[in-house]
Amino acid sequence: MATKTKVKPKTKAPAYKQQVFINLPVKDLEKSKAFFGKLGYTFNPQFTDQNGACMVISDTIFAMLLTEKFFKGFTKFEIADGRKSKEVLVALNQPSLAAVDAMADKAIAAGGKLHRPAEDHGWMYTKAIEDLDGHVWEIFWFDSSKAQQG
């Protein structure tokens, strides 16, 4: 009679989660941290110092708020003035239409401003706000089932 050897089960490697780091120049790091803190965001202290702050948006999305001097070290180009020109619009979805309004209201109360009034497309609702440095944040909710219907 042959003896059976136990075969060690193969373990599955954890799924890779791609992370997104949005790097934004800011004029006053402490004021920017306070602004986004009032919107409910936290900062990862491991990647936060006097040059920049790692704002946690989700478990895979982060905004690196970098002082202009530090940001300049990553590019040979001039830093755009967010109050005069736009290169990017950062869009963040919310769980409901009411959450869009609440986030926009918090941003305005914290010193931001409305970039564009609310737009309601039936399947999508959005408001765009500007942070203290003029970066545009599109706050939106959408019903993916209705979006697929066209």
C-alpha atoms as a PDB file:
ATOM      1  CA  MET A   1       0.000   0.000   0.000  1.00  0.00           C
ATOM      2  CA  ALA A   2       1.427   3.342  -1.052  1.00  0.00           C
ATOM      3  CA  THR A   3       1.458   6.246   1.350  1.00  0.00           C
ATOM      4  CA  LYS A   4      -0.034   9.492   0.244  1.00  0.00           C
ATOM      5  CA  THR A   5       2.048  12.605   0.526  1.00  0.00           C
ATOM      6  CA  LYS A   6       0.292  15.766   1.420  1.00  0.00           C
ATOM      7  CA  VAL A   7       0.552  18.319  -1.298  1.00  0.00           C
ATOM      8  CA  LYS A   8       0.755  21.858  -0.052  1.00  0.00           C
ATOM      9  CA  PRO A   9      -2.092  23.844  -1.616  1.00  0.00           C
ATOM     10  CA  LYS A  10      -1.062  26.664  -3.872  1.00  0.00           C
ATOM     11  CA  THR A  11      -1.786  30.044  -2.422  1.00  0.00           C
ATOM     12  CA  LYS A  12      -3.176  32.659  -4.682  1.00  0.00           C
ATOM     13  CA  ALA A  13      -1.222  35.912  -4.808  1.00  0.00           C
ATOM     14  CA  PRO A  14      -3.201  38.935  -3.708  1.00  0.00           C
ATOM     15  CA  ALA A  15      -4.728  40.868  -6.572  1.00  0.00           C
ATOM     16  CA  TYR A  16      -2.715  43.873  -7.668  1.00  0.00           C
ATOM     17  CA  LYS A  17      -4.472  47.181  -7.060  1.00  0.00           C
ATOM     18  CA  GLN A  18      -3.208  50.027  -9.183  1.00  0.00           C
ATOM     19  CA  GLN A  19      -2.949  53.281  -7.279  1.00  0.00           C
ATOM     20  CA  VAL A  20      -3.392  56.799  -8.618  1.00  0.00           C
ATOM     21  CA  PHE A  21      -1.380  59.730  -7.254  1.00  0.00           C
ATOM     22  CA  ILE A  22      -2.515  63.140  -8.512  1.00  0.00           C
ATOM     23  CA  ASN A  23       0.260  65.693  -7.966  1.00  0.00           C
ATOM     24  CA  LEU A  24      -0.953  69.262  -7.529  1.00  0.00           C
ATOM     25  CA  PRO A  25       1.081  72.384  -6.740  1.00  0.00           C
ATOM     26  CA  VAL A  26      -0.208  74.495  -3.856  1.00  0.00           C
ATOM     27  CA  LYS A  27       0.783  77.953  -2.696  1.00  0.00           C
ATOM     28  CA  ASP A  28       0.228  77.321   1.031  1.00  0.00           C
ATOM     29  CA  LEU A  29       0.431  73.692   2.133  1.00  0.00           C
ATOM     30  CA  GLU A  30      -1.055  74.222   5.592  1.00  0.00           C
ATOM     31  CA  LYS A  31      -4.041  76.159   4.237  1.00  0.00           C
ATOM     32  CA  SER A  32      -4.618  73.484   1.590  1.00  0.00           C
ATOM     33  CA  LYS A  33      -4.484  70.723   4.224  1.00  0.00           C
ATOM     34  CA  ALA A  34      -6.974  72.633   6.359  1.00  0.00           C
ATOM     35  CA  PHE A  35      -9.274  73.173   3.356  1.00  0.00           C
ATOM     36  CA  PHE A  36      -9.365  69.499   2.384  1.00  0.00           C
ATOM     37  CA  GLY A  37      -9.572  68.445   6.025  1.00  0.00           C
ATOM     38  CA  LYS A  38     -12.831  70.417   6.255  1.00  0.00           C
ATOM     39  CA  LEU A  39     -14.107  68.304   3.344  1.00  0.00           C
ATOM     40  CA  GLY A  40     -13.462  65.179   5.390  1.00  0.00           C
ATOM     41  CA  TYR A  41     -10.206  64.029   3.813  1.00  0.00           C
ATOM     42  CA  THR A  42      -7.290  62.709   5.859  1.00  0.00           C
ATOM     43  CA  PHE A  43      -3.562  62.712   5.185  1.00  0.00           C
ATOM     44  CA  ASN A  44      -1.131  59.830   5.277  1.00  0.00           C
ATOM     45  CA  PRO A  45       1.602  60.990   7.701  1.00  0.00           C
ATOM     46  CA  GLN A  46       4.086  58.554   6.147  1.00  0.00           C
ATOM     47  CA  PHE A  47       4.076  60.676   2.964  1.00  0.00           C
ATOM     48  CA  THR A  48       3.490  64.099   4.478  1.00  0.00           C
ATOM     49  CA  ASP A  49       6.130  66.664   5.467  1.00  0.00           C
ATOM     50  CA  GLN A  50       6.897  70.360   4.962  1.00  0.00           C
ATOM     51  CA  ASN A  51       7.128  69.835   1.154  1.00  0.00           C
ATOM     52  CA  GLY A  52       3.903  67.990   0.553  1.00  0.00           C
ATOM     53  CA  ALA A  53       0.934  66.129   1.946  1.00  0.00           C
ATOM     54  CA  CYS A  54      -0.574  62.851   0.790  1.00  0.00           C
ATOM     55  CA  MET A  55      -4.346  63.320   0.831  1.00  0.00           C
ATOM     56  CA  VAL A  56      -6.204  60.016   0.992  1.00  0.00           C
ATOM     57  CA  ILE A  57      -9.170  59.987  -1.387  1.00  0.00           C
ATOM     58  CA  SER A  58      -9.728  56.211  -1.316  1.00  0.00           C
ATOM     59  CA  ASP A  59      -7.685  53.084  -0.695  1.00  0.00           C
ATOM     60  CA  THR A  60      -6.174  53.462  -4.179  1.00  0.00           C
ATOM     61  CA  ILE A  61      -6.452  57.179  -4.991  1.00  0.00           C
ATOM     62  CA  PHE A  62      -4.348  59.933  -3.466  1.00  0.00           C
ATOM     63  CA  ALA A  63      -3.699  63.610  -4.136  1.00  0.00           C
ATOM     64  CA  MET A  64      -0.190  64.794  -3.439  1.00  0.00           C
ATOM     65  CA  LEU A  65      -0.446  68.449  -2.465  1.00  0.00           C
ATOM     66  CA  LEU A  66       3.055  69.754  -3.128  1.00  0.00           C
ATOM     67  CA  THR A  67       4.496  73.156  -2.364  1.00  0.00           C
ATOM     68  CA  GLU A  68       5.210  75.000  -5.588  1.00  0.00           C
ATOM     69  CA  LYS A  69       8.973  74.937  -4.921  1.00  0.00           C
ATOM     70  CA  PHE A  70       8.939  71.152  -4.419  1.00  0.00           C
ATOM     71  CA  PHE A  71       6.579  70.574  -7.373  1.00  0.00           C
ATOM     72  CA  LYS A  72       8.953  72.563  -9.604  1.00  0.00           C
ATOM     73  CA  GLY A  73      11.637  69.917  -8.961  1.00  0.00           C
ATOM     74  CA  PHE A  74       9.597  67.404 -10.989  1.00  0.00           C
ATOM     75  CA  THR A  75       9.169  69.429 -14.176  1.00  0.00           C
ATOM     76  CA  LYS A  76      11.109  71.767 -16.425  1.00  0.00           C
ATOM     77  CA  PHE A  77       7.899  73.655 -17.240  1.00  0.00           C
ATOM     78  CA  GLU A  78       6.410  76.658 -15.523  1.00  0.00           C
ATOM     79  CA  ILE A  79       3.709  75.973 -12.978  1.00  0.00           C
ATOM     80  CA  ALA A  80       0.318  77.015 -14.314  1.00  0.00           C
ATOM     81  CA  ASP A  81      -1.683  79.469 -12.279  1.00  0.00           C
ATOM     82  CA  GLY A  82      -4.858  77.539 -11.542  1.00  0.00           C
ATOM     83  CA  ARG A  83      -6.797  80.800 -11.377  1.00  0.00           C
ATOM     84  CA  LYS A  84      -5.885  81.698 -14.975  1.00  0.00           C
ATOM     85  CA  SER A  85      -5.601  78.403 -16.858  1.00  0.00           C
ATOM     86  CA  LYS A  86      -6.679  74.769 -16.532  1.00  0.00           C
ATOM     87  CA  GLU A  87      -4.753  71.683 -17.477  1.00  0.00           C
ATOM     88  CA  VAL A  88      -6.786  69.065 -15.660  1.00  0.00           C
ATOM     89  CA  LEU A  89     -10.187  68.608 -14.069  1.00  0.00           C
ATOM     90  CA  VAL A  90     -10.201  66.061 -11.249  1.00  0.00           C
ATOM     91  CA  ALA A  91     -13.512  64.208 -11.058  1.00  0.00           C
ATOM     92  CA  LEU A  92     -14.612  62.454  -7.854  1.00  0.00           C
ATOM     93  CA  ASN A  93     -17.817  60.495  -7.682  1.00  0.00           C
ATOM     94  CA  GLN A  94     -20.142  60.533  -4.700  1.00  0.00           C
ATOM     95  CA  PRO A  95     -22.662  57.932  -3.516  1.00  0.00           C
ATOM     96  CA  SER A  96     -25.701  60.160  -4.046  1.00  0.00           C
ATOM     97  CA  LEU A  97     -26.988  63.416  -5.481  1.00  0.00           C
ATOM     98  CA  ALA A  98     -27.323  64.790  -1.945  1.00  0.00           C
ATOM     99  CA  ALA A  99     -23.677  63.893  -1.268  1.00  0.00           C
ATOM    100  CA  VAL A 100     -22.635  65.978  -4.292  1.00  0.00           C
ATOM    101  CA  ASP A 101     -24.436  69.006  -2.883  1.00  0.00           C
ATOM    102  CA  ALA A 102     -23.033  68.385   0.607  1.00  0.00           C
ATOM    103  CA  MET A 103     -19.428  68.121  -0.645  1.00  0.00           C
ATOM    104  CA  ALA A 104     -19.769  71.259  -2.786  1.00  0.00           C
ATOM    105  CA  ASP A 105     -21.313  73.152   0.146  1.00  0.00           C
ATOM    106  CA  LYS A 106     -18.441  72.066   2.425  1.00  0.00           C
ATOM    107  CA  ALA A 107     -15.882  73.182  -0.167  1.00  0.00           C
ATOM    108  CA  ILE A 108     -17.469  76.613  -0.511  1.00  0.00           C
ATOM    109  CA  ALA A 109     -17.763  77.001   3.283  1.00  0.00           C
ATOM    110  CA  ALA A 110     -14.066  76.077   3.588  1.00  0.00           C
ATOM    111  CA  GLY A 111     -13.002  78.872   1.223  1.00  0.00           C
ATOM    112  CA  GLY A 112     -13.352  77.252  -2.188  1.00  0.00           C
ATOM    113  CA  LYS A 113     -15.661  78.571  -4.846  1.00  0.00           C
ATOM    114  CA  LEU A 114     -18.194  77.247  -7.297  1.00  0.00           C
ATOM    115  CA  HIS A 115     -16.549  76.778 -10.684  1.00  0.00           C
ATOM    116  CA  ARG A 116     -19.723  75.808 -12.510  1.00  0.00           C
ATOM    117  CA  PRO A 117     -23.314  75.518 -11.281  1.00  0.00           C
ATOM    118  CA  ALA A 118     -25.004  72.153 -10.882  1.00  0.00           C
ATOM    119  CA  GLU A 119     -25.806  70.224 -14.029  1.00  0.00           C
ATOM    120  CA  ASP A 120     -28.493  67.557 -13.924  1.00  0.00           C
ATOM    121  CA  HIS A 121     -28.558  65.173 -16.875  1.00  0.00           C
ATOM    122  CA  GLY A 122     -31.028  62.756 -15.302  1.00  0.00           C
ATOM    123  CA  TRP A 123     -28.525  59.911 -15.135  1.00  0.00           C
ATOM    124  CA  MET A 124     -25.706  62.171 -13.868  1.00  0.00           C
ATOM    125  CA  TYR A 125     -25.574  65.138 -11.511  1.00  0.00           C
ATOM    126  CA  THR A 126     -22.458  67.263 -11.100  1.00  0.00           C
ATOM    127  CA  LYS A 127     -21.085  70.410  -9.494  1.00  0.00           C
ATOM    128  CA  ALA A 128     -17.599  71.759 -10.075  1.00  0.00           C
ATOM    129  CA  ILE A 129     -15.703  73.573  -7.340  1.00  0.00           C
ATOM    130  CA  GLU A 130     -12.309  75.243  -7.182  1.00  0.00           C
ATOM    131  CA  ASP A 131      -9.937  74.681  -4.286  1.00  0.00           C
ATOM    132  CA  LEU A 132      -7.770  77.439  -2.802  1.00  0.00           C
ATOM    133  CA  ASP A 133      -5.288  77.203  -5.693  1.00  0.00           C
ATOM    134  CA  GLY A 134      -7.911  77.195  -8.445  1.00  0.00           C
ATOM    135  CA  HIS A 135      -7.728  73.453  -9.173  1.00  0.00           C
ATOM    136  CA  VAL A 136     -11.126  72.253 -10.400  1.00  0.00           C
ATOM    137  CA  TRP A 137     -12.750  69.280  -8.682  1.00  0.00           C
ATOM    138  CA  GLU A 138     -15.778  67.829 -10.461  1.00  0.00           C
ATOM    139  CA  ILE A 139     -18.004  66.356  -7.767  1.00  0.00           C
ATOM    140  CA  PHE A 140     -20.513  64.014  -9.368  1.00  0.00           C
ATOM    141  CA  TRP A 141     -23.015  61.192  -8.948  1.00  0.00           C
ATOM    142  CA  PHE A 142     -24.203  58.963 -11.744  1.00  0.00           C
ATOM    143  CA  ASP A 143     -26.573  56.044 -12.215  1.00  0.00           C
ATOM    144  CA  SER A 144     -24.530  53.617 -14.295  1.00  0.00           C
ATOM    145  CA  SER A 145     -27.621  51.611 -15.294  1.00  0.00           C
ATOM    146  CA  LYS A 146     -29.194  54.674 -16.899  1.00  0.00           C
ATOM    147  CA  ALA A 147     -25.896  55.783 -18.432  1.00  0.00           C
ATOM    148  CA  GLN A 148     -25.657  52.486 -20.295  1.00  0.00           C
ATOM    149  CA  GLN A 149     -29.100  53.077 -21.791  1.00  0.00           C
ATOM    150  CA  GLY A 150     -27.831  56.240 -23.418  1.00  0.00           C
END
